[in-house]
Amino acid sequence: MAQPTYEWHPPEQGWRERDLLDLPADGNRYEIIDGSLHVTPPAGSGTVGPDDPVQVTEPWPMTLDPSAWPR
């Protein structure tokens, strides 16, 4: 199924908070930073949350540099 398209044009004086009301509620995140519109797509299902377990498949071969130890 094709995604719906919207046609809107930037305001002449730069984006303002009230301009956000004219944007579609399509799941994207709309932010205005210094008069410019920034659009972030919604997070996909592959994101990791703070309560998700972290899995390490291989041991981490970590070596410490003795010259960096606190004195």
C-alpha atoms as a PDB file:
ATOM      1  CA  MET A   1       0.000   0.000   0.000  1.00  0.00           C
ATOM      2  CA  ALA A   2       1.400   3.381  -0.952  1.00  0.00           C
ATOM      3  CA  GLN A   3       2.145   5.956   1.703  1.00  0.00           C
ATOM      4  CA  PRO A   4      -0.074   9.037   1.604  1.00  0.00           C
ATOM      5  CA  THR A   5       1.585  12.183   0.352  1.00  0.00           C
ATOM      6  CA  TYR A   6       1.015  15.692   1.615  1.00  0.00           C
ATOM      7  CA  GLU A   7       1.729  18.904  -0.175  1.00  0.00           C
ATOM      8  CA  TRP A   8       2.687  21.837   1.975  1.00  0.00           C
ATOM      9  CA  HIS A   9       5.035  24.711   1.493  1.00  0.00           C
ATOM     10  CA  PRO A  10       7.305  26.403   4.020  1.00  0.00           C
ATOM     11  CA  PRO A  11       6.087  29.705   5.408  1.00  0.00           C
ATOM     12  CA  GLU A  12       7.676  32.856   4.014  1.00  0.00           C
ATOM     13  CA  GLN A  13       8.941  34.103   7.381  1.00  0.00           C
ATOM     14  CA  GLY A  14      10.423  30.812   8.651  1.00  0.00           C
ATOM     15  CA  TRP A  15       8.681  28.124  10.677  1.00  0.00           C
ATOM     16  CA  ARG A  16       6.852  29.011  13.880  1.00  0.00           C
ATOM     17  CA  GLU A  17       5.138  26.929  16.530  1.00  0.00           C
ATOM     18  CA  ARG A  18       1.672  27.600  15.128  1.00  0.00           C
ATOM     19  CA  ASP A  19       2.810  26.147  11.776  1.00  0.00           C
ATOM     20  CA  LEU A  20       3.111  22.720  13.416  1.00  0.00           C
ATOM     21  CA  LEU A  21      -0.688  22.519  13.579  1.00  0.00           C
ATOM     22  CA  ASP A  22      -0.845  22.378   9.769  1.00  0.00           C
ATOM     23  CA  LEU A  23       1.469  19.355   9.516  1.00  0.00           C
ATOM     24  CA  PRO A  24       0.063  15.813   9.249  1.00  0.00           C
ATOM     25  CA  ALA A  25      -0.145  13.499  12.258  1.00  0.00           C
ATOM     26  CA  ASP A  26       1.730  10.762  10.423  1.00  0.00           C
ATOM     27  CA  GLY A  27       4.014   9.445  13.167  1.00  0.00           C
ATOM     28  CA  ASN A  28       6.973  11.637  12.235  1.00  0.00           C
ATOM     29  CA  ARG A  29       8.477  13.957  14.807  1.00  0.00           C
ATOM     30  CA  TYR A  30       8.422  17.590  13.725  1.00  0.00           C
ATOM     31  CA  GLU A  31      10.694  20.122  15.436  1.00  0.00           C
ATOM     32  CA  ILE A  32      11.448  23.746  14.714  1.00  0.00           C
ATOM     33  CA  ILE A  33      15.025  24.745  15.402  1.00  0.00           C
ATOM     34  CA  ASP A  34      16.040  28.345  14.686  1.00  0.00           C
ATOM     35  CA  GLY A  35      13.139  28.726  12.253  1.00  0.00           C
ATOM     36  CA  SER A  36      13.938  25.565  10.284  1.00  0.00           C
ATOM     37  CA  LEU A  37      11.711  22.497  10.223  1.00  0.00           C
ATOM     38  CA  HIS A  38      13.397  19.209  11.177  1.00  0.00           C
ATOM     39  CA  VAL A  39      11.548  15.931  10.511  1.00  0.00           C
ATOM     40  CA  THR A  40      12.523  12.664  12.207  1.00  0.00           C
ATOM     41  CA  PRO A  41      10.861   9.426  11.090  1.00  0.00           C
ATOM     42  CA  PRO A  42       9.261   7.209  13.733  1.00  0.00           C
ATOM     43  CA  ALA A  43      11.448   4.597  15.375  1.00  0.00           C
ATOM     44  CA  GLY A  44      11.312   1.182  13.783  1.00  0.00           C
ATOM     45  CA  SER A  45      10.584  -2.076  15.552  1.00  0.00           C
ATOM     46  CA  GLY A  46      14.315  -2.840  15.783  1.00  0.00           C
ATOM     47  CA  THR A  47      15.017  -0.229  18.442  1.00  0.00           C
ATOM     48  CA  VAL A  48      16.327  -1.176  21.868  1.00  0.00           C
ATOM     49  CA  GLY A  49      14.660   0.176  24.969  1.00  0.00           C
ATOM     50  CA  PRO A  50      16.181   0.794  28.399  1.00  0.00           C
ATOM     51  CA  ASP A  51      14.644  -2.393  29.829  1.00  0.00           C
ATOM     52  CA  ASP A  52      15.793  -4.664  26.989  1.00  0.00           C
ATOM     53  CA  PRO A  53      18.618  -7.072  27.841  1.00  0.00           C
ATOM     54  CA  VAL A  54      22.015  -6.498  26.274  1.00  0.00           C
ATOM     55  CA  GLN A  55      23.540  -9.576  24.703  1.00  0.00           C
ATOM     56  CA  VAL A  56      27.242  -9.954  24.038  1.00  0.00           C
ATOM     57  CA  THR A  57      28.078 -12.771  21.647  1.00  0.00           C
ATOM     58  CA  GLU A  58      31.862 -12.735  22.135  1.00  0.00           C
ATOM     59  CA  PRO A  59      34.064 -11.869  25.089  1.00  0.00           C
ATOM     60  CA  TRP A  60      35.518  -8.403  24.984  1.00  0.00           C
ATOM     61  CA  PRO A  61      39.328  -8.644  24.787  1.00  0.00           C
ATOM     62  CA  MET A  62      40.116  -5.571  26.858  1.00  0.00           C
ATOM     63  CA  THR A  63      43.650  -4.667  27.831  1.00  0.00           C
ATOM     64  CA  LEU A  64      44.589  -1.796  30.073  1.00  0.00           C
ATOM     65  CA  ASP A  65      47.469   0.524  29.352  1.00  0.00           C
ATOM     66  CA  PRO A  66      49.450   0.829  32.618  1.00  0.00           C
ATOM     67  CA  SER A  67      50.528   4.367  31.681  1.00  0.00           C
ATOM     68  CA  ALA A  68      46.877   5.457  31.897  1.00  0.00           C
ATOM     69  CA  TRP A  69      46.324   4.167  35.470  1.00  0.00           C
ATOM     70  CA  PRO A  70      45.690   6.810  38.118  1.00  0.00           C
ATOM     71  CA  ARG A  71      48.663   7.609  40.332  1.00  0.00           C
END
